[in-house]
Protein backbone atom coordinates (compact mmCIF):
# COMPACT_ATOMS: atom_id res chain seq x y z
CA MET A 1 -93.02 113.53 64.31
CA ALA A 2 -92.68 110.86 66.90
CA ALA A 3 -89.31 109.19 67.21
CA THR A 4 -88.93 105.53 66.03
CA ASP A 5 -88.18 103.03 68.73
CA PRO A 6 -84.88 101.20 67.91
CA GLY A 7 -85.93 98.01 69.58
CA LEU A 8 -89.06 97.84 67.60
CA ALA A 9 -87.12 98.38 64.37
CA LEU A 10 -84.66 95.58 65.23
CA ALA A 11 -87.46 93.22 66.07
CA GLY A 12 -89.11 93.97 62.76
CA ALA A 13 -85.94 93.33 60.86
CA LEU A 14 -85.40 90.03 62.59
CA GLU A 15 -88.94 89.05 61.93
CA ALA A 16 -88.50 89.91 58.24
CA ALA A 17 -85.19 88.00 57.96
CA ALA A 18 -86.68 84.98 59.62
CA SER A 19 -89.36 84.99 57.05
CA TRP A 20 -86.94 84.42 54.08
CA ALA A 21 -83.92 82.62 55.77
CA ALA A 22 -85.68 79.31 56.21
CA PRO A 23 -86.48 78.84 52.52
CA LEU A 24 -82.97 79.88 51.60
CA ALA A 25 -81.41 77.31 53.92
CA LEU A 26 -83.68 74.61 52.58
CA LEU A 27 -82.69 75.52 49.05
CA LEU A 28 -79.00 75.38 49.96
CA VAL A 29 -79.31 71.99 51.60
CA SER A 30 -81.20 70.65 48.58
CA GLY A 31 -78.45 71.85 46.21
CA LEU A 32 -75.71 70.32 48.29
CA ALA A 33 -77.55 67.04 48.43
CA ALA A 34 -78.07 67.01 44.66
CA TRP A 35 -74.38 67.80 44.07
CA ALA A 36 -73.29 65.06 46.42
CA LEU A 37 -75.61 62.60 44.73
CA ARG A 38 -74.18 63.47 41.31
CA ARG A 39 -70.66 63.07 42.60
CA LEU A 40 -71.55 59.72 44.06
CA ARG A 41 -73.09 58.53 40.82
CA SER A 42 -70.10 59.80 38.78
CA ARG A 43 -67.73 57.97 41.10
CA GLU A 44 -69.75 54.78 40.81
CA GLN A 45 -69.67 55.07 37.02
CA ALA A 46 -65.89 55.68 37.08
CA LEU A 47 -65.38 52.70 39.36
CA ALA A 48 -67.54 50.60 37.05
CA ALA A 49 -65.51 51.76 34.02
CA VAL A 50 -62.28 50.99 35.83
CA ALA A 51 -63.59 47.57 36.77
CA ALA A 52 -64.63 46.95 33.16
CA ARG A 53 -61.22 48.00 31.89
CA GLU A 54 -59.57 45.76 34.45
CA ARG A 55 -61.73 42.86 33.32
CA ASP A 56 -60.88 43.57 29.66
CA LEU A 57 -57.20 43.88 30.46
CA SER A 58 -57.30 40.71 32.51
CA ALA A 59 -59.02 38.88 29.65
CA ILE A 60 -56.41 40.18 27.22
CA VAL A 61 -53.59 39.15 29.52
CA GLU A 62 -55.06 35.70 29.99
CA SER A 63 -55.57 35.26 26.24
CA VAL A 64 -52.01 36.20 25.28
CA GLN A 65 -50.08 33.13 24.07
CA ALA A 66 -46.81 34.45 25.48
CA LEU A 67 -45.93 34.05 29.14
CA LEU A 68 -46.50 37.30 31.10
CA PHE A 69 -45.08 37.70 34.57
CA ARG A 70 -44.01 40.16 37.25
CA THR A 71 -41.36 39.78 39.91
CA ASP A 72 -40.14 41.63 42.94
CA ALA A 73 -36.77 43.33 43.04
CA GLN A 74 -35.04 39.98 43.76
CA GLY A 75 -36.57 38.26 40.73
CA ARG A 76 -39.18 36.23 42.64
CA LEU A 77 -42.45 35.79 40.74
CA THR A 78 -45.41 37.81 42.05
CA PHE A 79 -47.72 37.31 39.04
CA VAL A 80 -48.00 34.92 36.10
CA ASN A 81 -50.71 34.57 33.47
CA ALA A 82 -52.70 31.44 32.64
CA ARG A 83 -50.31 30.53 29.85
CA TRP A 84 -47.65 29.80 32.46
CA GLY A 85 -48.98 26.41 33.47
CA ALA A 86 -49.36 25.15 29.90
CA ALA A 87 -45.87 26.27 28.95
CA THR A 88 -43.94 25.13 32.02
CA GLY A 89 -45.99 22.15 33.14
CA GLY A 90 -46.57 23.74 36.55
CA GLN A 91 -49.42 25.57 38.34
CA GLU A 92 -49.60 29.34 38.42
CA VAL A 93 -50.00 29.29 42.24
CA ALA A 94 -46.89 27.12 42.64
CA ALA A 95 -44.82 29.66 40.70
CA ILE A 96 -45.66 32.62 42.93
CA GLY A 97 -42.84 33.49 45.30
CA ARG A 98 -40.19 31.42 43.49
CA PRO A 99 -37.35 32.86 41.38
CA LEU A 100 -37.77 32.62 37.63
CA ALA A 101 -34.44 30.77 37.49
CA ASP A 102 -36.13 27.79 39.22
CA TRP A 103 -38.16 27.14 36.06
CA VAL A 104 -35.34 27.02 33.53
CA ALA A 105 -32.85 24.34 32.54
CA PRO A 106 -29.60 24.28 34.56
CA GLU A 107 -27.56 25.54 31.61
CA SER A 108 -29.91 28.57 31.32
CA ALA A 109 -29.94 29.50 35.04
CA ALA A 110 -26.99 31.91 34.84
CA ALA A 111 -28.45 33.78 31.86
CA THR A 112 -31.82 34.00 33.64
CA ARG A 113 -30.34 35.44 36.87
CA ALA A 114 -28.45 38.00 34.80
CA LEU A 115 -31.79 39.45 33.67
CA PHE A 116 -32.43 40.66 37.22
CA GLY A 117 -29.04 42.17 37.91
CA GLY A 118 -30.22 45.77 38.05
CA GLY A 119 -29.41 48.46 35.55
CA GLU A 120 -31.57 50.48 33.21
CA GLY A 121 -33.63 49.56 30.19
CA PRO A 122 -35.04 46.26 28.93
CA ARG A 123 -32.92 43.14 28.54
CA THR A 124 -33.47 39.81 26.77
CA ALA A 125 -32.12 36.27 26.79
CA VAL A 126 -33.01 32.97 25.09
CA VAL A 127 -33.39 30.24 27.73
CA GLN A 128 -34.84 26.75 28.05
CA MET A 129 -37.97 26.52 30.16
CA GLY A 130 -40.43 23.74 30.97
CA GLN A 131 -39.84 20.36 32.53
CA ALA A 132 -36.78 18.10 32.47
CA GLY A 133 -36.79 16.14 29.23
CA ARG A 134 -39.37 18.51 27.71
CA TRP A 135 -37.45 21.74 27.55
CA ARG A 136 -38.55 24.39 25.08
CA ARG A 137 -36.72 27.51 24.10
CA PHE A 138 -38.18 30.88 25.17
CA GLU A 139 -37.07 34.40 24.42
CA VAL A 140 -37.43 36.20 27.78
CA ALA A 141 -37.63 40.01 27.99
CA VAL A 142 -37.78 41.93 31.29
CA LEU A 143 -38.19 45.64 32.13
CA PRO A 144 -37.26 47.14 35.51
CA LEU A 145 -40.14 48.79 37.47
CA LYS A 146 -39.23 51.74 39.71
CA ALA A 147 -40.94 53.96 42.24
CA GLY A 148 -38.96 57.12 41.91
CA GLN A 149 -35.37 55.95 42.08
CA ARG A 150 -36.16 52.75 43.96
CA LEU A 151 -36.37 49.39 42.09
CA VAL A 152 -39.60 47.67 43.06
CA GLY A 153 -39.63 44.76 40.61
CA TYR A 154 -39.62 43.62 36.99
CA ALA A 155 -42.29 43.11 34.34
CA GLY A 156 -41.57 40.56 31.69
CA SER A 157 -42.74 38.22 28.95
CA ALA A 158 -41.49 34.95 27.49
CA ALA A 159 -42.28 33.93 23.89
CA ASP A 160 -41.92 30.32 22.75
CA VAL A 161 -39.31 30.40 19.98
CA THR A 162 -38.59 26.66 19.84
CA GLU A 163 -39.72 26.25 16.23
CA ARG A 164 -38.00 29.45 15.22
CA GLU A 165 -34.75 28.36 16.82
CA GLN A 166 -35.00 24.94 15.24
CA ALA A 167 -35.61 26.55 11.84
CA ARG A 168 -32.67 28.90 12.46
CA GLN A 169 -30.45 25.96 13.36
CA ARG A 170 -31.54 24.07 10.25
CA LEU A 171 -30.90 27.14 8.15
CA GLN A 172 -27.52 27.59 9.76
CA SER A 173 -26.70 23.94 9.11
CA GLN A 174 -27.64 24.39 5.45
CA LEU A 175 -25.56 27.54 5.23
CA ASP A 176 -22.61 25.75 6.83
CA PHE A 177 -23.04 22.86 4.37
CA ILE A 178 -23.19 25.23 1.41
CA GLY A 179 -20.13 27.02 2.72
CA GLN A 180 -18.23 23.75 3.04
CA LEU A 181 -19.43 22.68 -0.39
CA LEU A 182 -18.12 25.89 -1.93
CA GLU A 183 -14.81 25.45 -0.15
CA VAL A 184 -14.23 21.92 -1.45
CA MET A 185 -15.58 22.71 -4.92
CA PRO A 186 -12.77 22.47 -7.49
CA LEU A 187 -14.23 25.34 -9.54
CA PRO A 188 -13.27 28.89 -8.53
CA VAL A 189 -16.41 30.67 -7.20
CA SER A 190 -16.92 34.28 -6.12
CA MET A 191 -19.87 36.43 -5.03
CA LEU A 192 -20.16 40.06 -6.19
CA ASP A 193 -22.61 42.65 -4.87
CA ALA A 194 -24.53 45.16 -6.99
CA ASP A 195 -21.49 47.50 -6.98
CA ASN A 196 -19.20 44.81 -8.41
CA ARG A 197 -17.44 44.35 -5.06
CA TYR A 198 -16.28 40.97 -3.79
CA GLN A 199 -18.36 39.62 -0.92
CA SER A 200 -16.84 36.14 -0.73
CA VAL A 201 -14.60 33.73 -2.65
CA ASN A 202 -13.78 30.07 -2.18
CA GLN A 203 -10.45 28.29 -1.81
CA ALA A 204 -10.26 27.27 -5.48
CA TRP A 205 -10.60 30.95 -6.44
CA GLU A 206 -7.73 31.84 -4.11
CA GLU A 207 -5.56 29.09 -5.59
CA PHE A 208 -6.31 30.15 -9.18
CA THR A 209 -5.75 33.88 -8.71
CA GLY A 210 -3.11 33.75 -5.98
CA ARG A 211 -5.05 36.35 -3.92
CA ARG A 212 -6.46 35.88 -0.39
CA ARG A 213 -10.11 36.55 0.40
CA ALA A 214 -9.18 39.08 3.09
CA GLU A 215 -7.26 41.00 0.43
CA VAL A 216 -10.15 41.26 -2.06
CA ALA A 217 -13.14 41.61 0.30
CA GLY A 218 -14.90 44.88 -0.52
CA ARG A 219 -12.69 45.52 -3.56
CA ARG A 220 -14.12 45.87 -7.05
CA ALA A 221 -13.59 42.95 -9.40
CA ARG A 222 -12.62 45.33 -12.20
CA ASP A 223 -9.60 46.46 -10.15
CA TYR A 224 -7.88 43.18 -11.09
CA LEU A 225 -8.75 43.30 -14.81
CA SER A 226 -7.51 45.17 -17.83
CA ALA A 227 -9.74 47.91 -19.22
CA GLU A 228 -10.87 45.70 -22.11
CA GLU A 229 -11.64 42.75 -19.83
CA ALA A 230 -13.46 44.98 -17.35
CA VAL A 231 -15.79 46.24 -20.08
CA LEU A 232 -16.53 42.66 -21.23
CA HIS A 233 -17.47 41.44 -17.74
CA ASP A 234 -19.25 44.66 -16.64
CA VAL A 235 -21.63 44.45 -19.59
CA ARG A 236 -22.63 40.92 -18.60
CA ASP A 237 -22.99 41.85 -14.91
CA ARG A 238 -25.15 44.90 -15.60
CA GLU A 239 -27.43 42.85 -17.82
CA LEU A 240 -27.84 40.20 -15.10
CA LEU A 241 -28.55 42.84 -12.42
CA ARG A 242 -31.15 44.41 -14.71
CA LEU A 243 -32.89 41.32 -16.08
CA GLY A 244 -31.86 38.49 -13.72
CA GLY A 245 -31.30 34.95 -14.96
CA SER A 246 -27.91 33.50 -15.90
CA ALA A 247 -25.22 33.86 -18.55
CA ARG A 248 -22.38 31.73 -19.93
CA TYR A 249 -19.45 32.85 -22.04
CA GLU A 250 -15.72 32.27 -22.52
CA ALA A 251 -12.86 34.63 -21.79
CA SER A 252 -9.23 34.58 -20.70
CA LEU A 253 -8.09 35.29 -17.14
CA LEU A 254 -4.71 35.84 -15.55
CA HIS A 255 -3.47 32.82 -13.58
CA ARG A 256 -1.37 33.14 -10.43
CA ASP A 257 1.67 31.93 -12.39
CA GLY A 258 1.34 34.89 -14.77
CA SER A 259 -0.03 32.91 -17.73
CA ARG A 260 -3.33 33.59 -19.49
CA ARG A 261 -5.88 30.80 -19.20
CA ASP A 262 -8.97 30.13 -21.32
CA VAL A 263 -11.97 29.85 -18.97
CA ALA A 264 -15.68 29.05 -19.37
CA ILE A 265 -17.54 31.50 -17.11
CA SER A 266 -21.02 30.90 -15.64
CA LYS A 267 -22.84 33.76 -13.92
CA ALA A 268 -26.20 33.91 -12.16
CA ALA A 269 -28.12 36.81 -10.61
CA VAL A 270 -28.73 36.38 -6.85
CA PRO A 271 -32.05 37.90 -5.66
CA GLY A 272 -32.19 40.20 -2.63
CA PRO A 273 -34.93 40.50 0.05
CA ASP A 274 -37.21 42.35 -2.39
CA GLY A 275 -36.78 39.70 -5.07
CA ARG A 276 -34.74 41.96 -7.33
CA PRO A 277 -31.16 40.97 -8.29
CA ALA A 278 -28.79 42.14 -5.57
CA GLY A 279 -25.58 40.46 -6.66
CA VAL A 280 -23.90 38.10 -9.12
CA LEU A 281 -22.59 34.60 -8.39
CA VAL A 282 -19.60 33.78 -10.60
CA ALA A 283 -18.02 30.38 -11.29
CA PHE A 284 -15.50 29.52 -13.97
CA MET A 285 -13.68 26.46 -15.28
CA ASP A 286 -10.21 26.36 -16.78
CA VAL A 287 -10.63 24.97 -20.32
CA SER A 288 -7.15 25.78 -21.57
CA GLU A 289 -6.26 22.11 -22.04
CA PHE A 290 -9.47 21.50 -24.01
CA ARG A 291 -8.78 24.46 -26.28
CA ASP A 292 -5.16 23.36 -26.74
CA ALA A 293 -6.41 19.86 -27.65
CA GLU A 294 -8.89 21.35 -30.12
CA ARG A 295 -6.15 23.39 -31.73
CA ALA A 296 -3.92 20.31 -31.88
CA VAL A 297 -6.72 18.29 -33.49
CA ARG A 298 -7.34 21.01 -36.06
CA GLU A 299 -3.65 21.18 -36.87
CA ALA A 300 -3.44 17.39 -37.14
CA ARG A 301 -6.51 17.35 -39.37
CA ASP A 302 -5.06 20.05 -41.59
CA ILE A 303 -1.79 18.09 -41.83
CA ALA A 304 -3.70 14.88 -42.63
CA GLU A 305 -5.78 16.63 -45.27
CA GLU A 306 -2.67 18.12 -46.80
CA ALA A 307 -1.01 14.69 -46.80
CA SER A 308 -4.12 13.18 -48.38
CA ARG A 309 -4.12 15.84 -51.10
CA ALA A 310 -0.43 15.25 -51.71
CA LYS A 311 -1.06 11.50 -51.89
CA SER A 312 -3.93 11.96 -54.35
CA GLU A 313 -1.88 14.28 -56.51
CA PHE A 314 1.02 11.84 -56.44
CA ILE A 315 -1.22 8.90 -57.42
CA ALA A 316 -2.83 10.95 -60.17
CA ASN A 317 0.54 12.04 -61.57
CA ILE A 318 2.04 8.56 -61.39
CA SER A 319 -1.08 7.03 -62.96
CA HIS A 320 -1.02 9.51 -65.83
CA GLU A 321 2.67 8.80 -66.37
CA LEU A 322 2.05 5.04 -66.39
CA ARG A 323 -0.86 5.11 -68.84
CA THR A 324 1.26 6.17 -71.82
CA PRO A 325 3.82 3.33 -71.66
CA LEU A 326 1.09 0.83 -70.74
CA GLN A 327 -0.90 1.78 -73.83
CA SER A 328 2.22 1.15 -75.91
CA ILE A 329 2.89 -2.19 -74.18
CA ILE A 330 -0.71 -3.32 -74.68
CA GLY A 331 -0.76 -2.14 -78.29
CA PHE A 332 2.53 -3.78 -79.29
CA SER A 333 1.78 -7.00 -77.39
CA GLU A 334 -1.57 -7.25 -79.16
CA LEU A 335 0.14 -6.59 -82.51
CA GLY A 336 2.82 -9.18 -81.72
CA HIS A 337 0.20 -11.73 -80.73
CA LEU A 338 -1.66 -11.24 -84.02
CA ARG A 339 1.43 -11.35 -86.26
CA SER A 340 3.40 -14.04 -84.45
CA LYS A 341 3.76 -17.30 -86.41
CA GLU A 342 5.36 -19.10 -83.51
CA PRO A 343 2.77 -20.48 -81.01
CA ARG A 344 5.07 -20.07 -78.01
CA LEU A 345 5.93 -16.52 -79.00
CA GLY A 346 2.23 -15.78 -79.53
CA ALA A 347 1.45 -17.12 -76.06
CA MET A 348 4.15 -14.87 -74.59
CA PHE A 349 2.68 -11.84 -76.34
CA GLY A 350 -0.72 -12.92 -75.00
CA ASP A 351 0.62 -13.02 -71.44
CA ILE A 352 2.18 -9.60 -71.88
CA HIS A 353 -1.12 -8.27 -73.21
CA ALA A 354 -3.10 -9.74 -70.25
CA ALA A 355 -0.62 -8.36 -67.71
CA GLY A 356 -0.79 -4.95 -69.37
CA GLU A 357 -4.57 -5.00 -69.26
CA ARG A 358 -4.49 -5.79 -65.53
CA MET A 359 -1.96 -3.03 -64.94
CA LEU A 360 -4.09 -0.58 -66.91
CA ALA A 361 -7.14 -1.53 -64.88
CA LEU A 362 -5.19 -0.83 -61.69
CA VAL A 363 -4.02 2.54 -63.02
CA ASN A 364 -7.59 3.45 -64.01
CA ASP A 365 -8.85 2.54 -60.54
CA LEU A 366 -6.12 4.63 -58.94
CA LEU A 367 -7.13 7.54 -61.13
CA ASP A 368 -10.74 7.12 -60.07
CA VAL A 369 -9.73 7.17 -56.39
CA SER A 370 -7.63 10.29 -56.87
CA LYS A 371 -10.44 12.02 -58.77
CA ILE A 372 -13.02 11.26 -56.09
CA GLU A 373 -10.69 12.39 -53.28
CA SER A 374 -9.60 15.46 -55.22
CA ALA A 375 -10.94 18.82 -54.09
CA VAL A 376 -11.88 19.64 -57.68
CA GLY A 377 -13.92 16.50 -58.37
CA THR A 378 -17.46 17.43 -59.42
CA PHE A 379 -20.60 15.28 -59.68
CA HIS A 380 -23.27 16.29 -62.18
CA LEU A 381 -26.61 15.32 -60.71
CA GLU A 382 -29.69 14.65 -62.77
CA ARG A 383 -33.20 13.71 -61.83
CA ILE A 384 -33.48 10.27 -63.42
CA ASP A 385 -35.28 6.95 -63.06
CA VAL A 386 -32.63 4.59 -61.70
CA ARG A 387 -34.35 1.60 -63.36
CA THR A 388 -33.08 2.92 -66.71
CA LEU A 389 -29.49 2.98 -65.46
CA VAL A 390 -29.76 -0.58 -64.13
CA ARG A 391 -31.04 -1.93 -67.45
CA GLU A 392 -28.29 -0.13 -69.42
CA VAL A 393 -25.54 -1.68 -67.27
CA LEU A 394 -27.10 -5.14 -67.63
CA ARG A 395 -27.17 -4.78 -71.45
CA GLU A 396 -23.51 -3.69 -71.39
CA LEU A 397 -22.49 -6.76 -69.33
CA GLN A 398 -24.59 -9.23 -71.28
CA PRO A 399 -21.54 -10.70 -73.16
CA LEU A 400 -19.79 -11.47 -69.85
CA LEU A 401 -22.97 -13.06 -68.49
CA ALA A 402 -23.26 -15.24 -71.58
CA GLU A 403 -19.60 -16.21 -71.42
CA ARG A 404 -19.98 -17.39 -67.80
CA ARG A 405 -23.39 -18.96 -68.55
CA LEU A 406 -25.03 -16.80 -65.87
CA HIS A 407 -28.62 -15.64 -65.74
CA VAL A 408 -29.85 -12.33 -64.27
CA GLU A 409 -33.18 -12.29 -62.47
CA LEU A 410 -34.34 -8.67 -62.55
CA GLY A 411 -36.95 -7.54 -60.01
CA LEU A 412 -37.53 -3.80 -60.15
CA CYS A 413 -40.65 -2.18 -58.73
CA GLU A 414 -43.26 -0.87 -61.16
CA ALA A 415 -43.22 2.66 -59.73
CA PRO A 416 -40.49 5.02 -61.02
CA MET A 417 -37.35 4.92 -58.86
CA VAL A 418 -36.45 8.59 -59.27
CA ALA A 419 -33.39 10.08 -57.59
CA LYS A 420 -30.88 12.83 -58.25
CA VAL A 421 -27.65 11.08 -59.20
CA ASP A 422 -24.69 11.42 -61.49
CA PRO A 423 -25.65 8.79 -64.09
CA LEU A 424 -22.08 7.88 -65.05
CA ARG A 425 -20.89 7.58 -61.46
CA TYR A 426 -23.99 5.67 -60.36
CA GLN A 427 -23.58 3.25 -63.24
CA GLN A 428 -19.92 2.83 -62.24
CA VAL A 429 -21.14 1.55 -58.82
CA LEU A 430 -23.60 -0.86 -60.45
CA ARG A 431 -20.94 -2.00 -62.90
CA ASN A 432 -18.48 -2.77 -60.07
CA LEU A 433 -21.07 -4.72 -58.07
CA LEU A 434 -22.30 -6.71 -61.10
CA ALA A 435 -18.74 -7.38 -62.29
CA ASN A 436 -17.88 -8.83 -58.85
CA ALA A 437 -21.06 -10.93 -58.89
CA ILE A 438 -20.16 -12.27 -62.36
CA ARG A 439 -16.56 -12.92 -61.34
CA PHE A 440 -17.39 -14.93 -58.22
CA SER A 441 -20.60 -16.74 -59.25
CA PRO A 442 -20.27 -20.39 -60.32
CA PRO A 443 -21.23 -21.04 -63.97
CA GLY A 444 -24.94 -21.63 -64.54
CA GLN A 445 -26.04 -19.70 -61.40
CA THR A 446 -28.47 -16.78 -61.15
CA ILE A 447 -27.64 -13.22 -60.15
CA GLU A 448 -30.58 -11.39 -58.58
CA VAL A 449 -30.95 -7.63 -59.11
CA THR A 450 -33.84 -6.00 -57.25
CA GLY A 451 -34.89 -2.43 -56.70
CA ASP A 452 -37.60 -0.50 -54.86
CA ILE A 453 -38.37 2.59 -52.73
CA ASP A 454 -37.79 1.82 -49.05
CA ALA A 455 -39.64 3.14 -45.99
CA GLU A 456 -37.27 6.13 -45.77
CA ASN A 457 -38.11 7.13 -49.37
CA GLN A 458 -34.66 6.06 -50.58
CA VAL A 459 -33.93 4.34 -53.87
CA HIS A 460 -32.73 0.86 -52.88
CA VAL A 461 -30.92 -1.44 -55.33
CA CYS A 462 -29.61 -4.86 -54.27
CA VAL A 463 -27.21 -7.17 -56.18
CA ARG A 464 -27.18 -10.72 -54.83
CA ASP A 465 -24.89 -13.53 -56.09
CA HIS A 466 -24.45 -17.21 -55.21
CA GLY A 467 -20.67 -17.13 -54.83
CA PRO A 468 -18.48 -18.09 -51.85
CA GLY A 469 -19.81 -15.31 -49.62
CA ILE A 470 -17.83 -13.06 -47.28
CA PRO A 471 -16.57 -13.92 -43.79
CA PRO A 472 -18.67 -11.90 -41.29
CA ALA A 473 -15.58 -10.21 -39.83
CA GLU A 474 -14.68 -8.89 -43.32
CA LEU A 475 -18.05 -7.42 -44.35
CA GLU A 476 -16.86 -3.89 -43.56
CA ALA A 477 -13.14 -4.32 -44.29
CA ILE A 478 -13.71 -5.17 -47.98
CA PHE A 479 -14.66 -1.51 -48.61
CA GLN A 480 -11.13 -0.42 -47.68
CA ALA A 481 -8.57 0.27 -50.40
CA PHE A 482 -6.63 -2.80 -51.65
CA VAL A 483 -8.53 -5.12 -49.27
CA GLN A 484 -10.14 -8.27 -50.67
CA SER A 485 -12.12 -11.02 -49.05
CA SER A 486 -10.00 -13.93 -47.84
CA LYS A 487 -12.25 -16.24 -49.89
CA THR A 488 -11.41 -14.49 -53.18
CA LYS A 489 -7.64 -13.94 -52.91
CA ASP A 490 -6.94 -16.24 -55.83
CA GLY A 491 -5.82 -13.70 -58.40
CA SER A 492 -9.35 -13.16 -59.71
CA GLY A 493 -10.32 -10.47 -57.24
CA GLY A 494 -9.17 -7.45 -59.24
CA THR A 495 -7.29 -4.53 -57.72
CA GLY A 496 -9.20 -4.26 -54.47
CA LEU A 497 -10.27 -0.68 -55.30
CA GLY A 498 -13.68 -1.27 -56.88
CA LEU A 499 -15.67 -1.36 -53.64
CA THR A 500 -13.64 1.53 -52.21
CA ILE A 501 -14.54 3.64 -55.23
CA SER A 502 -18.16 2.53 -55.06
CA ARG A 503 -18.51 3.55 -51.39
CA LYS A 504 -16.97 6.96 -52.05
CA ILE A 505 -19.37 7.56 -54.93
CA VAL A 506 -22.44 6.47 -52.95
CA GLU A 507 -21.44 8.54 -49.90
CA ALA A 508 -20.85 11.54 -52.16
CA HIS A 509 -24.53 11.20 -53.16
CA GLY A 510 -25.54 11.20 -49.47
CA GLY A 511 -26.32 7.49 -49.55
CA ARG A 512 -24.79 4.35 -48.14
CA ILE A 513 -23.64 0.94 -49.33
CA HIS A 514 -23.13 -2.23 -47.31
CA ALA A 515 -22.72 -5.96 -47.77
CA GLU A 516 -24.25 -8.98 -46.08
CA ASN A 517 -24.25 -12.73 -46.49
CA ALA A 518 -27.45 -13.95 -48.10
CA ARG A 519 -29.52 -16.91 -46.97
CA GLY A 520 -28.67 -20.02 -48.95
CA GLY A 521 -25.14 -18.81 -49.72
CA GLY A 522 -23.58 -15.97 -51.60
CA SER A 523 -23.50 -12.30 -50.73
CA ALA A 524 -25.79 -9.30 -51.24
CA PHE A 525 -24.74 -5.68 -51.76
CA HIS A 526 -27.28 -2.96 -50.93
CA VAL A 527 -27.09 0.57 -52.36
CA ARG A 528 -29.40 3.30 -51.04
CA VAL A 529 -29.44 6.80 -52.50
CA PRO A 530 -31.77 9.60 -51.36
CA GLY A 531 -33.21 12.32 -53.54
CA ARG A 532 -30.95 15.38 -53.80
CA THR A 533 -31.47 19.03 -54.79
CA GLY A 534 -29.22 21.08 -57.03
CA ASP A 535 -27.48 20.17 -60.22
CA THR A 536 -23.91 19.75 -59.07
CA LEU A 537 -22.12 18.44 -55.99
CA THR A 538 -18.52 19.45 -55.44
CA LEU A 539 -16.41 17.21 -53.25
CA GLY A 540 -13.62 18.29 -50.94
């Protein structure tokens, strides 16, 4: 076999390698170019995204209502947003390179420079910024910016808090006013939290209890009360904390002088931030003097009632004791008058008889007063037509009317005048009024008796005479015991108890009686009695 020539073999190999190296190199170059193109496009897209984010961020920064800024390490402005000019009255360009302290009021300059004094963490201050005469309050916050350990500047913001500060100042003024009002208030006032602990008290509370506010702050209110008192007040407080609202009640509290005082307590639930009751406001008023006065009045009333009962019993006893001898005097004087043959002696017996009759009338009236005022006096009420009672009294007094040559003009309504009255007592009132009218009317005159149902559904009876009338100042006084009109104090006015008895009877029926001077002369007495339920009415 012939030997292979090495040179020929190498030439063949080179020729073969040359045949495939060129395409391989072309392929490699194409791949590198494609990779570079992709990298270039990716970088362009990243740059575009970064630019878009910067535009968005810039738009956000420019739209923020707060002032945004950046300074160098010395506090000189290197960036401000568009809001700067509107807030400070200056141009953004004019602010660059100047310290932030140049844009604040002189009294805020020191606080502003302190923001850039180094140190770690954010810091804030409320300063006045803007233009002279147009200062507004801003809350400024700055944050140090560092490159490694080196301070390179500050980033900050300033929010306009003018309205908030003004509202805070107004609120503080109101709180100060309320605090002063509580201090000068004469009523003791305290504030308790949900755990029954004192939060605050006013000066009046200190003066009443003798304890200082520093002493009781944080202490429970029940610590100063007895067990029984603590239970009473705790029940009220728990109810207020559960339901809200207010409560009023009376209790006794220990005064600083050691005495117990009656107090009227007012409590109100105070809402917390969530609207639920978070505490109880307590105010109380010392009513000891009022209660002492009430007790004194009750005691005086009881004494007066006891004196009145004693007086009535005395009058009743004396009247009963007088009736027996008076009956004898009247009987024997009448007998002596009838049997006397001597005219002068007969006249004397007649005078004795007349005086006895007047004395007996007085005793009878006193007995009537004592019966009406007595605690055991009882009225027997009946449903009756009052017109019947009026006519019966007129028939009974007809002889007196004829003797005085008087005429009665009766004017009663056609409808029944029904009321619940004690017939005997009601007729006693009518008899007294008609007897007075007969006594004081000139002979030949007319007495008018009218009756109807008034607008208040009351039975109204009026007795009008044509006598001397009653002085206006005495229209009410004549209903008092033993008081007579000044125009009738001539010995013919009776005992002065008839109208007193009549008023007591009418008032016992729930009605009223009054007098007035009539037109054309004379007087008119009006009696009004309402309908009543039940069969008996016990006085006293």
